[in-house]
Protein backbone atom coordinates (compact mmCIF):
# COMPACT_ATOMS: atom_id res chain seq x y z
CA MET A 1 -1.42 -25.95 -5.45
CA PRO A 2 0.70 -28.01 -2.81
CA LEU A 3 2.87 -26.41 -0.08
CA ILE A 4 5.78 -27.71 -1.86
CA GLU A 5 5.18 -26.01 -5.02
CA HIS A 6 4.35 -22.83 -3.10
CA ILE A 7 7.73 -22.81 -1.79
CA TYR A 8 9.64 -23.43 -4.98
CA GLU A 9 7.56 -20.70 -6.69
CA LEU A 10 8.76 -18.71 -4.07
CA ARG A 11 12.37 -19.40 -4.54
CA LYS A 12 12.09 -19.05 -8.02
CA ARG A 13 10.72 -15.23 -7.77
CA LEU A 14 13.32 -14.54 -5.07
CA LEU A 15 16.20 -15.68 -7.16
CA ILE A 16 14.82 -13.43 -10.34
CA SER A 17 14.71 -10.66 -8.11
CA LEU A 18 17.76 -10.90 -6.51
CA GLY A 19 19.74 -11.49 -9.70
CA ALA A 20 18.02 -8.45 -11.19
CA ILE A 21 19.02 -6.56 -8.35
CA VAL A 22 22.43 -7.73 -8.69
CA VAL A 23 22.70 -6.75 -12.09
CA THR A 24 21.21 -3.01 -11.37
CA LEU A 25 23.98 -2.99 -8.36
CA GLY A 26 26.62 -3.45 -10.92
CA PHE A 27 25.38 -0.85 -12.85
CA GLY A 28 24.85 1.80 -9.99
CA PHE A 29 28.41 0.86 -9.08
CA PHE A 30 29.60 1.74 -12.34
CA TRP A 31 27.43 5.04 -12.67
CA TYR A 32 28.56 6.33 -9.26
CA GLY A 33 31.67 7.51 -10.86
CA SER A 34 31.16 7.95 -14.82
CA GLY A 35 28.22 9.80 -16.32
CA PHE A 36 27.31 8.25 -20.16
CA PHE A 37 25.09 9.70 -22.61
CA GLY A 38 25.21 13.04 -21.06
CA ILE A 39 23.73 12.06 -17.85
CA PRO A 40 26.05 13.15 -14.87
CA SER A 41 27.37 10.44 -12.65
CA LEU A 42 25.50 9.03 -9.46
CA GLY A 43 27.85 10.84 -7.53
CA GLU A 44 27.24 14.09 -8.89
CA ILE A 45 23.29 14.03 -8.64
CA LEU A 46 23.69 12.86 -5.05
CA THR A 47 26.19 15.65 -4.06
CA GLY A 48 24.15 18.21 -6.07
CA PRO A 49 22.59 19.41 -2.90
CA TYR A 50 25.27 19.50 -0.61
CA CYS A 51 27.41 21.86 -3.46
CA ASP A 52 24.53 23.98 -3.84
CA ILE A 53 24.84 25.24 -0.30
CA PRO A 54 26.70 28.71 -0.12
CA PRO A 55 30.41 28.37 0.20
CA GLY A 56 30.60 29.95 3.39
CA ALA A 57 28.37 27.57 5.21
CA ARG A 58 30.83 24.37 4.21
CA MET A 59 34.51 23.65 4.19
CA GLN A 60 35.90 23.58 0.70
CA LEU A 61 38.19 20.44 -0.42
CA GLY A 62 40.25 20.04 -3.09
CA GLY A 63 43.39 21.46 -4.78
CA ASP A 64 41.95 24.86 -5.57
CA GLY A 65 39.74 25.06 -2.79
CA GLU A 66 36.81 25.76 -5.27
CA GLU A 67 36.01 21.93 -6.02
CA CYS A 68 32.93 20.50 -4.10
CA ARG A 69 33.97 17.05 -2.47
CA LEU A 70 32.78 15.19 0.59
CA LEU A 71 35.22 13.97 3.73
CA ALA A 72 36.66 10.67 3.88
CA THR A 73 37.69 9.70 7.47
CA GLY A 74 38.86 6.05 6.77
CA PRO A 75 40.68 3.94 4.45
CA PHE A 76 37.58 2.03 3.27
CA GLU A 77 35.05 4.43 3.68
CA GLN A 78 35.36 5.62 0.12
CA PHE A 79 34.65 1.95 -1.28
CA MET A 80 32.22 1.12 1.37
CA LEU A 81 30.00 4.21 0.62
CA ARG A 82 29.89 3.61 -3.26
CA LEU A 83 28.73 0.17 -2.91
CA LYS A 84 26.10 1.15 -0.34
CA VAL A 85 24.76 3.79 -2.76
CA ALA A 86 25.01 1.37 -5.49
CA ALA A 87 22.93 -1.02 -3.72
CA THR A 88 20.43 1.54 -3.07
CA ALA A 89 20.44 2.86 -6.99
CA GLY A 90 20.11 -0.98 -7.78
CA ILE A 91 17.05 -1.82 -5.30
CA VAL A 92 15.51 1.40 -7.17
CA LEU A 93 16.56 0.52 -10.56
CA ALA A 94 15.25 -3.23 -10.37
CA SER A 95 11.88 -2.21 -8.68
CA PRO A 96 10.01 -3.22 -11.46
CA VAL A 97 10.97 -6.49 -11.85
CA TRP A 98 10.75 -7.46 -8.11
CA LEU A 99 7.36 -5.92 -7.68
CA TYR A 100 6.36 -8.05 -11.10
CA GLN A 101 7.66 -11.26 -9.42
CA ILE A 102 5.86 -10.20 -5.93
CA TRP A 103 2.50 -9.67 -8.15
CA ALA A 104 3.19 -12.81 -10.32
CA PHE A 105 3.58 -14.68 -6.78
CA VAL A 106 0.13 -13.05 -5.11
CA THR A 107 -2.22 -13.19 -8.41
CA PRO A 108 -3.04 -16.83 -8.47
CA GLY A 109 -4.85 -16.34 -5.34
CA LEU A 110 -6.67 -13.01 -6.07
CA HIS A 111 -10.31 -13.06 -7.84
CA LYS A 112 -10.50 -11.26 -11.02
CA ASN A 113 -11.63 -7.86 -9.46
CA GLU A 114 -8.97 -7.87 -6.74
CA LYS A 115 -6.54 -8.38 -9.45
CA ARG A 116 -7.39 -5.20 -11.25
CA TYR A 117 -7.29 -2.95 -8.08
CA GLY A 118 -3.77 -4.47 -7.10
CA ILE A 119 -2.30 -3.82 -10.53
CA THR A 120 -3.69 -0.11 -10.25
CA PHE A 121 -2.45 -0.03 -6.39
CA THR A 122 0.95 -1.39 -7.47
CA ILE A 123 1.47 1.14 -10.33
CA LEU A 124 0.26 4.05 -7.84
CA ALA A 125 2.77 2.90 -5.03
CA ALA A 126 5.59 3.00 -7.41
CA LEU A 127 4.62 6.54 -8.87
CA LEU A 128 4.15 8.12 -5.21
CA PHE A 129 7.29 6.68 -3.90
CA VAL A 130 9.00 8.27 -6.81
CA GLY A 131 7.35 11.62 -6.13
CA GLY A 132 8.28 11.37 -2.43
CA ALA A 133 12.09 10.68 -3.00
CA VAL A 134 12.24 13.79 -5.59
CA LEU A 135 10.31 16.17 -3.45
CA ALA A 136 13.18 14.63 -0.68
CA TYR A 137 16.03 15.31 -3.09
CA VAL A 138 14.54 19.50 -3.80
CA VAL A 139 14.04 19.96 -0.08
CA ILE A 140 17.19 18.81 1.07
CA VAL A 141 19.25 21.48 -0.40
CA HIS A 142 16.99 24.11 1.91
CA ALA A 143 17.29 21.87 4.68
CA LEU A 144 21.20 21.36 4.28
CA GLU A 145 21.32 25.11 4.18
CA PHE A 146 19.31 26.06 7.35
CA LEU A 147 21.33 23.25 9.28
CA LEU A 148 24.70 24.05 8.18
CA SER A 149 24.31 27.87 8.52
CA ILE A 150 22.96 28.45 11.93
CA GLY A 151 26.76 28.57 13.25
CA ASP A 152 28.64 29.30 10.20
CA ASN A 153 29.97 32.69 11.98
CA VAL A 154 31.88 30.24 14.29
CA GLN A 155 32.37 27.32 12.70
CA THR A 156 32.42 25.61 9.05
CA THR A 157 30.99 21.92 8.65
CA ALA A 158 32.90 19.12 6.86
CA LEU A 159 30.43 16.55 6.06
CA SER A 160 31.77 13.03 5.64
CA GLY A 161 30.27 11.05 2.62
CA THR A 162 28.91 8.36 5.04
CA GLN A 163 27.34 11.12 7.23
CA TYR A 164 25.66 13.05 4.17
CA PHE A 165 24.70 9.95 1.97
CA SER A 166 22.88 8.40 5.47
CA PHE A 167 21.07 11.52 5.56
CA LEU A 168 20.06 11.84 2.21
CA ILE A 169 18.73 8.14 1.66
CA GLN A 170 17.08 8.14 5.29
CA LEU A 171 15.36 11.53 3.78
CA ILE A 172 14.28 9.61 0.51
CA LEU A 173 12.91 6.78 2.13
CA ILE A 174 11.04 8.53 4.98
CA PHE A 175 9.48 10.93 2.03
CA GLY A 176 8.69 7.85 -0.31
CA VAL A 177 7.19 5.55 2.50
CA SER A 178 5.31 8.75 3.75
CA PHE A 179 3.47 9.01 0.43
CA GLU A 180 2.32 5.47 0.78
CA ILE A 181 -0.10 6.54 3.62
CA PRO A 182 -2.87 8.15 1.57
CA LEU A 183 -2.56 5.13 -0.73
CA LEU A 184 -3.07 2.57 2.43
CA ILE A 185 -6.29 4.82 3.27
CA ALA A 186 -7.57 4.32 -0.18
CA MET A 187 -7.30 0.49 0.07
CA LEU A 188 -8.60 0.30 3.35
CA ASN A 189 -11.77 2.27 1.85
CA VAL A 190 -12.04 -0.20 -1.05
CA ALA A 191 -11.71 -3.33 0.97
CA GLY A 192 -14.61 -2.00 2.89
CA VAL A 193 -12.74 -1.51 6.15
CA VAL A 194 -12.83 2.42 6.65
CA ARG A 195 -15.83 4.77 5.40
CA TYR A 196 -15.96 7.95 4.25
CA GLU A 197 -18.03 8.89 7.04
CA THR A 198 -15.40 7.87 9.70
CA LEU A 199 -12.24 9.61 7.83
CA ALA A 200 -14.37 12.78 7.76
CA ARG A 201 -15.07 13.27 11.37
CA SER A 202 -11.42 12.11 11.78
CA ARG A 203 -9.73 14.77 9.57
CA ARG A 204 -8.63 16.90 12.29
CA GLY A 205 -7.22 14.46 14.15
CA ILE A 206 -5.28 12.57 11.02
CA ILE A 207 -3.80 16.17 10.22
CA MET A 208 -2.47 16.72 13.52
CA GLY A 209 -1.07 13.20 13.35
CA ILE A 210 0.67 13.53 10.01
CA PHE A 211 2.13 16.71 11.38
CA VAL A 212 3.51 15.14 14.72
CA PHE A 213 4.97 12.30 12.73
CA ALA A 214 6.61 14.74 10.28
CA ALA A 215 8.21 16.24 12.92
CA VAL A 216 9.61 12.76 14.90
CA ALA A 217 10.08 11.28 11.38
CA SER A 218 12.31 14.19 9.82
CA PRO A 219 16.05 12.97 10.26
CA GLY A 220 17.24 16.66 10.44
CA GLN A 221 14.43 18.03 12.54
CA ASP A 222 14.61 20.87 10.60
CA PRO A 223 11.31 23.00 9.30
CA PHE A 224 11.62 22.89 5.73
CA SER A 225 11.71 19.26 5.62
CA MET A 226 8.84 19.02 8.27
CA LEU A 227 6.58 21.42 6.67
CA ALA A 228 7.06 19.86 3.26
CA LEU A 229 6.77 16.47 4.20
CA ALA A 230 3.50 17.29 6.44
CA LEU A 231 1.93 19.53 3.51
CA ALA A 232 2.40 16.89 1.13
CA VAL A 233 1.14 14.38 2.98
CA CYS A 234 -1.76 15.73 4.21
CA VAL A 235 -2.68 17.02 0.33
CA LEU A 236 -2.29 13.74 -0.79
CA VAL A 237 -4.40 12.34 2.35
CA GLU A 238 -7.24 14.63 1.67
CA ALA A 239 -7.56 13.56 -2.05
CA SER A 240 -7.85 9.89 -0.56
CA ILE A 241 -10.65 11.15 1.76
CA GLN A 242 -12.32 12.59 -1.55
CA PHE A 243 -11.79 9.26 -3.12
CA ALA A 244 -13.44 7.41 -0.21
CA ARG A 245 -16.45 9.58 -0.76
CA ILE A 246 -16.88 9.28 -4.49
CA HIS A 247 -16.56 5.18 -4.03
CA ASP A 248 -19.08 5.34 -1.17
CA LYS A 249 -21.33 7.05 -2.88
CA ARG A 250 -21.04 4.68 -6.10
CA ARG A 251 -21.19 1.86 -3.78
CA ALA A 252 -24.43 2.74 -2.35
CA THR A 253 -26.12 3.05 -5.59
CA GLN A 254 -24.97 -0.35 -7.08
CA ARG A 255 -26.22 -1.58 -3.47
CA GLU A 256 -29.43 -3.34 -3.11
CA ASP A 257 -31.70 -1.76 -0.36
CA TRP A 258 -32.38 -5.04 1.33
CA LEU A 259 -28.88 -5.18 2.56
CA ASP A 260 -29.02 -2.43 4.69
CA VAL A 261 -32.00 -3.82 6.85
CA ASP A 262 -30.84 -4.42 10.50
CA ASP A 263 -31.07 -7.86 11.41
CA GLU A 264 -33.63 -7.51 14.21
CA SER A 265 -35.92 -5.81 11.71
CA ALA A 266 -38.50 -8.02 10.05
CA SER A 267 -39.22 -8.03 6.32
CA PRO A 268 -42.97 -7.00 5.78
CA ILE A 269 -45.50 -9.78 5.22
CA ALA A 270 -48.36 -9.58 3.20
CA PRO A 271 -51.77 -9.76 4.61
CA ALA A 272 -53.03 -13.44 5.25
CA GLY A 273 -55.22 -14.39 2.61
CA GLY A 274 -56.98 -17.64 1.43
CA LEU A 275 -55.52 -20.06 -1.37
CA ASP A 276 -58.40 -19.36 -3.46
CA GLY A 277 -57.70 -15.66 -2.91
CA SER A 278 -61.40 -14.88 -1.06
CA GLY A 279 -59.73 -13.74 2.19
CA SER A 280 -60.60 -16.42 4.25
CA VAL A 281 -59.10 -19.83 5.06
CA PRO A 282 -61.57 -22.58 4.61
CA ALA A 283 -62.16 -24.88 7.52
CA PRO A 284 -60.41 -28.62 7.24
CA GLU A 285 -62.91 -31.26 6.11
CA PRO A 286 -63.11 -34.13 8.36
CA VAL A 287 -60.79 -37.25 7.70
CA ALA A 288 -62.66 -40.64 7.80
CA ALA A 289 -61.43 -43.35 10.53
CA PRO A 290 -59.50 -46.18 8.97
CA ALA A 291 -61.21 -49.37 8.78
CA PRO A 292 -59.93 -52.23 11.85
CA LEU A 293 -57.87 -54.73 10.83
CA THR A 294 -59.11 -58.19 10.65
CA PRO A 295 -56.97 -61.20 11.31
CA GLY A 296 -56.38 -63.42 8.39
CA ARG A 297 -57.38 -60.97 5.85
CA PRO A 298 -54.47 -59.64 3.42
CA LEU A 299 -53.79 -55.55 3.52
CA GLN A 300 -55.51 -53.81 1.12
CA ALA A 301 -53.93 -50.66 -0.68
CA PRO A 302 -56.65 -47.42 -0.90
CA THR A 303 -57.71 -48.40 -4.41
CA GLY A 304 -57.96 -52.01 -3.99
CA GLY A 305 -54.80 -53.45 -4.80
CA THR A 306 -53.01 -55.95 -2.38
CA LEU A 307 -49.84 -54.31 -0.53
CA TYR A 308 -48.66 -57.23 0.73
CA ASP A 309 -49.05 -61.10 0.30
CA ASP A 310 -48.48 -61.90 4.00
CA THR A 311 -51.80 -61.79 6.26
CA LEU A 312 -51.67 -61.15 9.97
C-alpha cells in the first residue's frame, strides 16, 4: 500500500475515533447531572468515596448541613469540571471504538499468529485497565479517610471539585496503567525478548521496584493506595512470570534440537567410506593424453563426429 493511502487510512480511523469520543462526551456531560434507569448520576458515583468519609473529617455544605457537596471557588469551575469529567468518561466509554480502529489500522501489517496474539492482548489490556480503575475507586475511600483525618481535631477539610476530581482521576489512571505492566512482561516473553530464567532470577528486584514505583506514583502518598497498588501489581507480575514459565516450556518441546546447537559447534560427520560401501576410496585411473593437433586436419569430436568445419 502506498504511503498516501496509509495517511488516508489513518485519517479515517482518527475521525471515526474522535466522532465516537464526541458522542460519548455528550452522553457523559448529560450523565454527570442526571441518572437514568435507576443508575445514579455520574457526579453522585464519583463523589461517593468523598461522601463516605465520616462527617467529622470534612466540611458539611448545603442548606441543612447534611448534604454532601464539594466546594467551587470560581464562576466557571463547575462547568469546566463537568466538561473535564465528561471528557474522561467519553474516552473510557468510547474505548471499544478507538481500540478497534487502532487494531484495524495495524492488522494488515501483521502475520496470522501475530493477529491472534494481538486480539488476546487487546482484550486483556482493556480488562486490566478496568480492573485497576475499580480497585482505585475502592481504595480511594480509605485513602481520603486517612489523609483527611490526620488533623481533624484542629481543622476541617473543604475540598473543591477540581482538587477532588483531579486526585480521583490521577489515582484511576495510575492504577489502570500500572495494571498493564504484567501484560507487557508477558508480551516480551511471547516475542522472545525476555525468558523465564531471567524473570525468575530478577524476581526480588522486580518486587522491590514495584514497591518503589507505587510509593512514588501514588498521588496521595498514603499507605493504603501505595500498598494496594504494590500488592495487586506484584500478584499480577507473578502470574505473568508463571505464564512465561509455561510458555517457555511449551516452546522448548516444539523446538528442534539442532536450533539450540552453538554456532561454533560442528555437526557430527559420518565415517568416511567408499562410494561402493567397501570402506575405501579407489585410486583414480590415469587419463590418456590428448592427441596433438595436426595443421590442416579438421577438429574431431570424441565420437568421431566433426565439431567444426574450419581447419587449423
